[in-house]
Amino acid sequence: MRRRLLSSTLVVAVIAVLLLGVPLGVVVSRLIVDEAAQELGAEAKRLVGEVEYARVQETPLDPQQLEQKYPGRYIQIWERGTPLRVTVVGTAPASGHLMTEDAQTNTGVYVRISRDRDQVERDVRARLLLIVALAVAALAVAVSLAVVQSRRLTLPLQDLAKIAERLGSGDARPSKHRYGIPELDRVAQVLDRSATRISDLLTREREFATDASHQLRTPLTGLTMRLEEIVAASDEPEVVREEGEAAIVQAERLTAVIDELLAAARRQRHAQAEPVAIDEVLGQQVTEWEPVFREAGRTLHLDGTRGLKAMATTGGFGQVIASLLENSLRHGGGTVTVTSTSGDNYIVIEVADEGPGIADEIAPKIFERNVSGGGGTGLGLTLARALAAADGGRLELVRRRPATFAVFLRPAEEDSRNRVVSGPA
């Protein structure tokens, strides 16, 4: 990335220098030549006036005085008369490259003044070299700034990559690094929040595993002992019955412990739910799925009450809606309508299509694993229901024909009013 930044900055700087430097060089060279020509023309006019004044005063011209007054000039003066008078001041340049201007009067005075063109060209080259030097300095400054800027951008990105790699390896400590660049600081904040959530999830998973192993050990031990007693007393029906009833009690206790642990895990997951704008999630899902429905010759319609907010996680709720839309696309037909309404205790989002619906034999177990109406894996609705439950809501089949599924979520306003804070006892 650093190399690309440097190369792109250098290309832009070179193009800018060329677009500015080349026209500037042309303009400066023409300006110097034009200025030299104008200066030479002004000297010719001034000199012809002096010659005319000397003729009126009948004063002879002094070549030495003219040479001192016009140094570096080769001057030729013609005065009409009998005979024709010619005055030459200075020497012609050895190179033979002359820049010449002339002037004349009506009384027969003609003046031609020349200078060495090579001297003008040297002046032009000196100005062009100055422009080139400034262009090189500008390029050097641009490259220096590009190096500084690339380091400022790439070093934070490398640091963020290390943080992400550390998160992937299981080290979920927030870095709290900030770089002074708003976009990168936002990425760092998101990574820190993700690290905090991952750390919380890992802590809760470890706590759940510890609680499960501790709480299940005693019921499992008791159940094992009862079963051993049943095996040992197989010839005594009364003992077998008594131990069997005790084993059933132990099994029921084990089931209760498992339900309690799962309920505790769900409550911890509910703590991550936050107010989610229903319109935003539904709009995103409709935008993503609408091209797929269009290719299948079907339409996707969003209806219902707008501006609703519910307690959920954006990712989990979005996956539930995506699973329902995918289910309607594969197994349904016609227009799919996503409707959001507000009830007394729930925010309800319905996904309905115009297809043949769900067969009666599989409708009661449609949310069970590996149950599918045809050609599917039987996992989509199962996972969708689990995600809805993890957010404190539920997913139900409210109508079989045509198939209509409804997601029930807690209203955000009610959750904020009736929130219960719990912690360790």
Protein backbone atom coordinates (compact mmCIF):
# COMPACT_ATOMS: atom_id res chain seq x y z
CA MET A 1 0.00 0.00 0.00
CA ARG A 2 2.80 2.36 0.84
CA ARG A 3 4.38 1.80 -2.57
CA ARG A 4 1.06 2.49 -4.30
CA LEU A 5 0.59 5.70 -2.34
CA LEU A 6 4.10 6.86 -3.21
CA SER A 7 3.76 6.00 -6.89
CA SER A 8 0.33 7.59 -7.21
CA THR A 9 1.48 10.75 -5.42
CA LEU A 10 4.59 10.95 -7.59
CA VAL A 11 2.53 10.52 -10.77
CA VAL A 12 0.10 13.25 -9.68
CA ALA A 13 2.98 15.56 -8.76
CA VAL A 14 4.77 14.96 -12.09
CA ILE A 15 1.56 15.65 -14.02
CA ALA A 16 0.94 18.83 -12.02
CA VAL A 17 4.52 20.02 -12.54
CA LEU A 18 4.33 19.34 -16.26
CA LEU A 19 0.97 21.05 -16.61
CA LEU A 20 2.28 24.11 -14.78
CA GLY A 21 6.01 24.07 -15.59
CA VAL A 22 5.89 23.58 -19.37
CA PRO A 23 3.49 26.46 -20.06
CA LEU A 24 5.40 28.60 -17.55
CA GLY A 25 8.69 27.86 -19.32
CA VAL A 26 7.22 28.77 -22.72
CA VAL A 27 5.70 31.98 -21.38
CA VAL A 28 8.91 33.01 -19.58
CA SER A 29 11.10 32.37 -22.64
CA ARG A 30 8.78 34.37 -24.89
CA LEU A 31 8.54 37.13 -22.31
CA ILE A 32 12.34 37.45 -22.10
CA VAL A 33 12.74 37.54 -25.89
CA ASP A 34 9.91 40.06 -26.31
CA GLU A 35 11.30 42.23 -23.52
CA ALA A 36 14.75 42.25 -25.15
CA ALA A 37 13.24 43.18 -28.52
CA GLN A 38 11.18 46.00 -26.98
CA GLU A 39 14.23 47.33 -25.18
CA LEU A 40 16.23 47.26 -28.39
CA GLY A 41 13.43 49.04 -30.30
CA ALA A 42 13.22 51.76 -27.64
CA GLU A 43 16.99 52.29 -27.89
CA ALA A 44 16.74 52.57 -31.69
CA LYS A 45 14.04 55.26 -31.46
CA ARG A 46 15.94 57.17 -28.81
CA LEU A 47 19.13 56.98 -30.84
CA VAL A 48 17.50 58.22 -34.04
CA GLY A 49 16.18 61.22 -32.10
CA GLU A 50 19.66 61.98 -30.81
CA VAL A 51 21.11 61.79 -34.34
CA GLU A 52 18.39 64.07 -35.68
CA TYR A 53 19.09 66.59 -32.87
CA ALA A 54 22.82 66.50 -33.65
CA ARG A 55 22.09 67.25 -37.33
CA VAL A 56 19.93 70.22 -36.41
CA GLN A 57 22.67 71.52 -34.11
CA GLU A 58 25.26 70.67 -36.78
CA THR A 59 27.17 68.71 -34.15
CA PRO A 60 29.17 65.72 -35.34
CA LEU A 61 28.43 62.30 -33.81
CA ASP A 62 30.92 60.95 -31.30
CA PRO A 63 31.19 57.11 -31.75
CA GLN A 64 33.01 56.66 -28.42
CA GLN A 65 30.33 58.51 -26.54
CA LEU A 66 27.62 56.44 -28.23
CA GLU A 67 29.47 53.21 -27.41
CA GLN A 68 29.63 54.20 -23.76
CA LYS A 69 25.96 55.13 -23.76
CA TYR A 70 24.88 51.89 -25.50
CA PRO A 71 27.28 49.20 -24.25
CA GLY A 72 27.11 45.79 -25.90
CA ARG A 73 25.33 47.17 -28.95
CA TYR A 74 26.34 47.13 -32.58
CA ILE A 75 25.04 50.38 -34.10
CA GLN A 76 24.86 51.46 -37.77
CA ILE A 77 23.77 54.99 -38.68
CA TRP A 78 23.05 56.28 -42.20
CA GLU A 79 22.58 60.00 -42.86
CA ARG A 80 21.33 61.22 -46.24
CA GLY A 81 23.58 63.73 -47.91
CA THR A 82 26.26 64.18 -50.43
CA PRO A 83 28.15 62.15 -49.83
CA LEU A 84 26.14 59.58 -47.75
CA ARG A 85 27.50 59.52 -44.23
CA VAL A 86 27.75 56.16 -42.42
CA THR A 87 28.64 55.82 -38.76
CA VAL A 88 29.41 52.45 -37.10
CA VAL A 89 29.58 52.07 -33.31
CA GLY A 90 30.79 48.91 -31.59
CA THR A 91 31.67 45.55 -33.13
CA ALA A 92 29.42 42.87 -34.51
CA PRO A 93 29.09 39.72 -32.30
CA ALA A 94 31.48 36.95 -33.29
CA SER A 95 28.69 34.34 -33.31
CA GLY A 96 26.82 36.18 -36.02
CA HIS A 97 23.49 35.63 -34.22
CA LEU A 98 21.97 39.09 -34.05
CA MET A 99 18.80 40.55 -32.66
CA THR A 100 18.17 43.72 -34.65
CA GLU A 101 15.78 46.66 -34.46
CA ASP A 102 15.78 49.79 -36.65
CA ALA A 103 14.26 53.28 -36.79
CA GLN A 104 14.27 56.14 -39.31
CA THR A 105 13.10 59.72 -39.83
CA ASN A 106 11.63 61.57 -42.77
CA THR A 107 14.78 63.65 -43.02
CA GLY A 108 16.88 60.71 -44.15
CA VAL A 109 18.30 59.34 -40.89
CA TYR A 110 18.24 55.57 -40.61
CA VAL A 111 19.47 53.72 -37.48
CA ARG A 112 19.96 49.98 -37.02
CA ILE A 113 20.89 48.71 -33.54
CA SER A 114 21.79 45.07 -32.85
CA ARG A 115 22.75 42.88 -29.90
CA ASP A 116 24.01 39.36 -29.41
CA ARG A 117 21.06 36.88 -29.58
CA ASP A 118 23.13 34.26 -27.74
CA GLN A 119 23.13 36.46 -24.65
CA VAL A 120 19.32 36.56 -24.70
CA GLU A 121 19.17 32.80 -25.13
CA ARG A 122 21.53 32.34 -22.18
CA ASP A 123 19.20 34.44 -20.10
CA VAL A 124 16.28 32.26 -21.23
CA ARG A 125 18.18 29.09 -20.35
CA ALA A 126 18.99 30.47 -16.90
CA ARG A 127 15.31 31.16 -16.24
CA LEU A 128 14.35 27.69 -17.51
CA LEU A 129 16.96 26.06 -15.28
CA LEU A 130 15.47 27.96 -12.33
CA ILE A 131 12.01 26.66 -13.24
CA VAL A 132 13.35 23.09 -13.53
CA ALA A 133 15.06 23.43 -10.15
CA LEU A 134 11.82 24.63 -8.58
CA ALA A 135 9.94 21.74 -10.21
CA VAL A 136 12.46 19.23 -8.84
CA ALA A 137 12.13 20.83 -5.40
CA ALA A 138 8.34 20.60 -5.65
CA LEU A 139 8.60 16.92 -6.57
CA ALA A 140 10.95 16.31 -3.66
CA VAL A 141 8.51 18.02 -1.28
CA ALA A 142 5.62 15.99 -2.74
CA VAL A 143 7.52 12.73 -2.30
CA SER A 144 8.47 13.67 1.26
CA LEU A 145 4.86 14.47 2.11
CA ALA A 146 3.77 11.22 0.44
CA VAL A 147 6.25 9.24 2.54
CA VAL A 148 4.99 10.90 5.72
CA GLN A 149 1.35 10.42 4.75
CA SER A 150 1.86 6.80 3.70
CA ARG A 151 3.54 6.02 7.00
CA ARG A 152 0.72 7.75 8.84
CA LEU A 153 -1.82 5.59 6.98
CA THR A 154 -0.03 2.25 6.69
CA LEU A 155 1.31 1.99 10.23
CA PRO A 156 -2.18 2.29 11.79
CA LEU A 157 -3.52 -0.22 9.25
CA GLN A 158 -0.76 -2.65 10.16
CA ASP A 159 -1.58 -2.12 13.82
CA LEU A 160 -5.29 -2.75 13.13
CA ALA A 161 -4.38 -5.92 11.22
CA LYS A 162 -2.41 -7.15 14.25
CA ILE A 163 -5.35 -6.35 16.53
CA ALA A 164 -7.74 -8.27 14.24
CA GLU A 165 -5.32 -11.19 14.08
CA ARG A 166 -5.09 -11.15 17.86
CA LEU A 167 -8.87 -11.23 18.10
CA GLY A 168 -8.97 -14.18 15.72
CA SER A 169 -6.47 -16.05 17.89
CA GLY A 170 -8.68 -15.63 20.97
CA ASP A 171 -6.95 -12.69 22.65
CA ALA A 172 -9.97 -10.41 23.16
CA ARG A 173 -8.32 -7.53 25.03
CA PRO A 174 -9.32 -4.06 23.75
CA SER A 175 -6.28 -2.17 22.45
CA LYS A 176 -7.68 1.39 22.92
CA HIS A 177 -5.27 2.63 20.23
CA ARG A 178 -6.22 5.86 18.45
CA TYR A 179 -4.42 7.34 15.44
CA GLY A 180 -5.80 10.83 14.89
CA ILE A 181 -7.57 9.78 11.67
CA PRO A 182 -11.37 9.72 12.10
CA GLU A 183 -11.96 6.74 9.80
CA LEU A 184 -9.22 4.62 11.35
CA ASP A 185 -10.24 5.66 14.85
CA ARG A 186 -13.76 4.46 14.10
CA VAL A 187 -12.42 1.10 12.92
CA ALA A 188 -10.36 0.87 16.11
CA GLN A 189 -13.44 1.65 18.20
CA VAL A 190 -15.44 -1.05 16.40
CA LEU A 191 -12.64 -3.56 17.00
CA ASP A 192 -12.50 -2.58 20.67
CA ARG A 193 -16.26 -3.07 21.02
CA SER A 194 -15.99 -6.40 19.22
CA ALA A 195 -13.15 -7.42 21.54
CA THR A 196 -15.27 -6.52 24.55
CA ARG A 197 -18.21 -8.53 23.23
CA ILE A 198 -15.99 -11.49 22.36
CA SER A 199 -14.42 -11.34 25.80
CA ASP A 200 -17.87 -11.26 27.39
CA LEU A 201 -19.03 -14.18 25.25
CA LEU A 202 -15.94 -16.22 26.10
CA THR A 203 -16.40 -15.45 29.79
CA ARG A 204 -20.03 -16.45 29.66
CA GLU A 205 -19.20 -19.64 27.76
CA ARG A 206 -16.60 -20.56 30.35
CA GLU A 207 -19.03 -19.76 33.14
CA PHE A 208 -21.71 -21.81 31.44
CA ALA A 209 -19.36 -24.78 31.03
CA THR A 210 -18.25 -24.51 34.65
CA ASP A 211 -21.82 -24.23 35.94
CA ALA A 212 -22.95 -27.07 33.70
CA SER A 213 -20.20 -29.41 34.84
CA HIS A 214 -20.84 -28.54 38.48
CA GLN A 215 -24.63 -28.71 38.35
CA LEU A 216 -24.83 -31.85 36.18
CA ARG A 217 -22.25 -33.87 38.06
CA THR A 218 -24.50 -34.64 41.05
CA PRO A 219 -27.64 -35.65 39.08
CA LEU A 220 -25.60 -37.78 36.70
CA THR A 221 -23.87 -39.51 39.60
CA GLY A 222 -27.21 -40.22 41.28
CA LEU A 223 -28.72 -41.48 38.04
CA THR A 224 -25.76 -43.79 37.49
CA MET A 225 -26.07 -45.20 40.99
CA ARG A 226 -29.82 -45.87 40.51
CA LEU A 227 -29.18 -47.66 37.25
CA GLU A 228 -26.49 -49.78 38.89
CA GLU A 229 -28.96 -50.70 41.63
CA ILE A 230 -31.52 -51.68 38.99
CA VAL A 231 -29.00 -53.92 37.27
CA ALA A 232 -27.90 -55.48 40.56
CA ALA A 233 -31.50 -56.10 41.73
CA SER A 234 -32.90 -57.37 38.46
CA ASP A 235 -34.41 -60.41 40.27
CA GLU A 236 -36.32 -58.24 42.78
CA PRO A 237 -39.23 -56.45 41.08
CA GLU A 238 -40.01 -54.21 44.03
CA VAL A 239 -36.44 -52.95 44.24
CA VAL A 240 -36.36 -52.47 40.48
CA ARG A 241 -39.57 -50.44 40.61
CA GLU A 242 -38.37 -48.32 43.49
CA GLU A 243 -35.00 -47.65 41.92
CA GLY A 244 -36.64 -47.02 38.55
CA GLU A 245 -38.90 -44.36 40.08
CA ALA A 246 -35.86 -42.81 41.74
CA ALA A 247 -34.02 -42.85 38.41
CA ILE A 248 -36.95 -41.06 36.80
CA VAL A 249 -36.79 -38.42 39.53
CA GLN A 250 -33.06 -38.01 38.90
CA ALA A 251 -33.67 -37.69 35.16
CA GLU A 252 -36.34 -35.04 35.77
CA ARG A 253 -33.95 -33.20 38.05
CA LEU A 254 -31.28 -33.39 35.35
CA THR A 255 -33.73 -31.97 32.81
CA ALA A 256 -34.61 -29.13 35.19
CA VAL A 257 -30.94 -28.31 35.69
CA ILE A 258 -30.38 -28.23 31.93
CA ASP A 259 -33.41 -25.97 31.44
CA GLU A 260 -32.16 -23.65 34.15
CA LEU A 261 -28.72 -23.43 32.59
CA LEU A 262 -30.16 -22.75 29.16
CA ALA A 263 -32.47 -20.11 30.59
CA ALA A 264 -29.49 -18.44 32.26
CA ALA A 265 -27.56 -18.53 28.98
CA ARG A 266 -30.52 -16.98 27.16
CA ARG A 267 -30.80 -14.22 29.75
CA GLN A 268 -27.13 -13.38 29.22
CA ARG A 269 -27.66 -13.25 25.49
CA HIS A 270 -30.70 -11.01 25.97
CA ALA A 271 -28.46 -8.52 27.75
CA GLN A 272 -26.76 -7.88 24.38
CA ALA A 273 -30.04 -6.88 22.69
CA GLU A 274 -30.37 -3.18 21.99
CA PRO A 275 -32.93 -0.92 20.30
CA VAL A 276 -32.87 -1.68 16.58
CA ALA A 277 -34.59 0.34 13.86
CA ILE A 278 -36.87 -2.17 12.12
CA ASP A 279 -37.08 -0.10 8.92
CA GLU A 280 -33.31 -0.01 8.53
CA VAL A 281 -32.87 -3.78 8.82
CA LEU A 282 -35.87 -4.58 6.60
CA GLY A 283 -34.76 -2.04 4.02
CA GLN A 284 -31.29 -3.55 3.92
CA GLN A 285 -32.68 -7.07 3.47
CA VAL A 286 -35.14 -5.99 0.77
CA THR A 287 -32.33 -4.24 -1.07
CA GLU A 288 -30.15 -7.36 -0.95
CA TRP A 289 -32.88 -9.84 -1.94
CA GLU A 290 -34.84 -7.79 -4.47
CA PRO A 291 -32.46 -8.55 -7.42
CA VAL A 292 -32.70 -12.28 -6.70
CA PHE A 293 -36.49 -12.18 -6.69
CA ARG A 294 -36.47 -10.09 -9.86
CA GLU A 295 -34.35 -12.68 -11.66
CA ALA A 296 -36.85 -15.35 -10.57
CA GLY A 297 -39.70 -13.30 -12.04
CA ARG A 298 -41.11 -12.42 -8.61
CA THR A 299 -41.52 -9.27 -6.58
CA LEU A 300 -40.65 -8.30 -3.02
CA HIS A 301 -42.86 -5.75 -1.24
CA LEU A 302 -42.34 -3.90 2.05
CA ASP A 303 -45.48 -2.79 3.91
CA GLY A 304 -46.77 -1.92 7.36
CA THR A 305 -46.01 0.64 10.05
CA ARG A 306 -42.83 2.65 9.75
CA GLY A 307 -40.55 4.00 12.47
CA LEU A 308 -40.76 0.96 14.78
CA LYS A 309 -37.95 -0.01 17.13
CA ALA A 310 -37.51 -3.35 18.87
CA MET A 311 -35.03 -4.99 21.21
CA ALA A 312 -32.76 -7.24 19.13
CA THR A 313 -29.31 -7.57 17.67
CA THR A 314 -28.97 -6.17 14.19
CA GLY A 315 -27.06 -9.21 12.90
CA GLY A 316 -29.38 -11.78 14.46
CA PHE A 317 -32.60 -10.07 13.35
CA GLY A 318 -31.19 -9.56 9.85
CA GLN A 319 -30.32 -13.26 9.59
CA VAL A 320 -33.84 -14.24 10.67
CA ILE A 321 -35.41 -12.08 7.94
CA ALA A 322 -32.87 -13.36 5.39
CA SER A 323 -33.72 -16.98 6.27
CA LEU A 324 -37.44 -16.30 5.85
CA LEU A 325 -36.92 -14.56 2.50
CA GLU A 326 -34.73 -17.40 1.28
CA ASN A 327 -37.39 -19.91 2.40
CA SER A 328 -40.08 -17.98 0.48
CA LEU A 329 -37.86 -17.81 -2.60
CA ARG A 330 -37.20 -21.55 -2.63
CA HIS A 331 -40.53 -22.97 -1.52
CA GLY A 332 -43.06 -20.17 -2.04
CA GLY A 333 -44.44 -18.32 -5.03
CA GLY A 334 -45.78 -14.99 -6.24
CA THR A 335 -45.21 -11.71 -4.44
CA VAL A 336 -43.48 -11.80 -1.06
CA THR A 337 -44.76 -9.17 1.37
CA VAL A 338 -42.85 -8.12 4.48
CA THR A 339 -45.20 -6.36 6.91
CA SER A 340 -44.24 -4.70 10.20
CA THR A 341 -46.90 -3.91 12.82
CA SER A 342 -46.99 -2.89 16.46
CA GLY A 343 -49.05 -4.83 18.99
CA ASP A 344 -49.71 -4.40 22.69
CA ASN A 345 -46.66 -6.34 23.84
CA TYR A 346 -44.72 -7.14 20.66
CA ILE A 347 -43.41 -5.73 17.44
CA VAL A 348 -44.54 -8.20 14.76
CA ILE A 349 -42.81 -8.69 11.40
CA GLU A 350 -44.64 -10.98 9.00
CA VAL A 351 -43.19 -12.55 5.85
CA ALA A 352 -45.89 -13.93 3.53
CA ASP A 353 -45.95 -15.17 -0.06
CA GLU A 354 -48.60 -16.38 -2.52
CA GLY A 355 -47.32 -19.93 -2.93
CA PRO A 356 -49.03 -23.29 -2.24
CA GLY A 357 -48.11 -23.11 1.44
CA ILE A 358 -46.88 -25.80 3.82
CA ALA A 359 -48.16 -29.36 3.81
CA ASP A 360 -50.19 -30.41 6.82
CA GLU A 361 -47.91 -33.35 7.63
CA ILE A 362 -44.80 -31.19 8.12
CA ALA A 363 -46.39 -27.98 9.44
CA PRO A 364 -46.29 -29.04 13.14
CA LYS A 365 -42.60 -29.84 12.93
CA ILE A 366 -41.50 -27.22 10.41
CA PHE A 367 -39.00 -25.73 12.87
CA GLU A 368 -37.37 -29.03 13.72
CA ARG A 369 -33.90 -29.81 12.45
CA ASN A 370 -33.67 -31.63 9.08
CA VAL A 371 -37.37 -31.06 8.31
CA SER A 372 -37.88 -29.55 4.86
CA GLY A 373 -40.73 -29.20 2.41
CA GLY A 374 -38.55 -30.37 -0.44
CA GLY A 375 -34.95 -30.04 -1.54
CA GLY A 376 -33.75 -28.00 1.44
CA THR A 377 -31.37 -28.79 4.24
CA GLY A 378 -33.98 -28.36 6.96
CA LEU A 379 -31.69 -26.05 8.97
CA GLY A 380 -32.74 -22.54 7.90
CA LEU A 381 -35.95 -22.20 9.90
CA THR A 382 -34.39 -24.02 12.85
CA LEU A 383 -31.52 -21.56 13.04
CA ALA A 384 -33.84 -18.61 12.43
CA ARG A 385 -36.02 -19.61 15.35
CA ALA A 386 -32.95 -20.06 17.57
CA LEU A 387 -31.69 -16.59 16.61
CA ALA A 388 -35.07 -15.01 17.33
CA ALA A 389 -35.19 -16.72 20.72
CA ALA A 390 -31.63 -15.59 21.49
CA ASP A 391 -32.77 -11.98 21.01
CA GLY A 392 -35.69 -12.47 23.41
CA GLY A 393 -38.30 -12.92 20.69
CA ARG A 394 -39.88 -15.82 18.90
CA LEU A 395 -40.58 -17.07 15.38
CA GLU A 396 -43.94 -18.68 14.59
CA LEU A 397 -45.82 -20.08 11.61
CA VAL A 398 -49.07 -18.09 11.79
CA ARG A 399 -50.68 -19.33 8.57
CA ARG A 400 -50.04 -22.47 6.52
CA ARG A 401 -51.64 -21.52 3.19
CA PRO A 402 -50.27 -19.29 1.89
CA ALA A 403 -47.28 -19.61 4.19
CA THR A 404 -46.92 -16.71 6.61
CA PHE A 405 -44.20 -16.55 9.24
CA ALA A 406 -44.15 -13.93 12.01
CA VAL A 407 -41.28 -12.68 14.16
CA PHE A 408 -42.31 -11.33 17.56
CA LEU A 409 -39.86 -8.92 19.23
CA ARG A 410 -39.99 -6.84 22.39
CA PRO A 411 -40.70 -3.13 21.83
CA ALA A 412 -37.72 -0.93 22.62
CA GLU A 413 -39.83 1.55 24.63
CA GLU A 414 -41.27 -1.14 26.87
CA ASP A 415 -37.84 -2.65 27.47
CA SER A 416 -36.43 0.69 28.55
CA ARG A 417 -39.33 1.24 31.01
CA ASN A 418 -39.37 -2.27 32.48
CA ARG A 419 -35.72 -3.17 32.40
CA VAL A 420 -34.56 -5.26 35.36
CA VAL A 421 -30.93 -5.05 36.39
CA SER A 422 -29.54 -8.31 37.69
CA GLY A 423 -26.12 -9.24 38.84
CA PRO A 424 -24.27 -11.76 40.94
CA ALA A 425 -25.86 -12.56 44.27
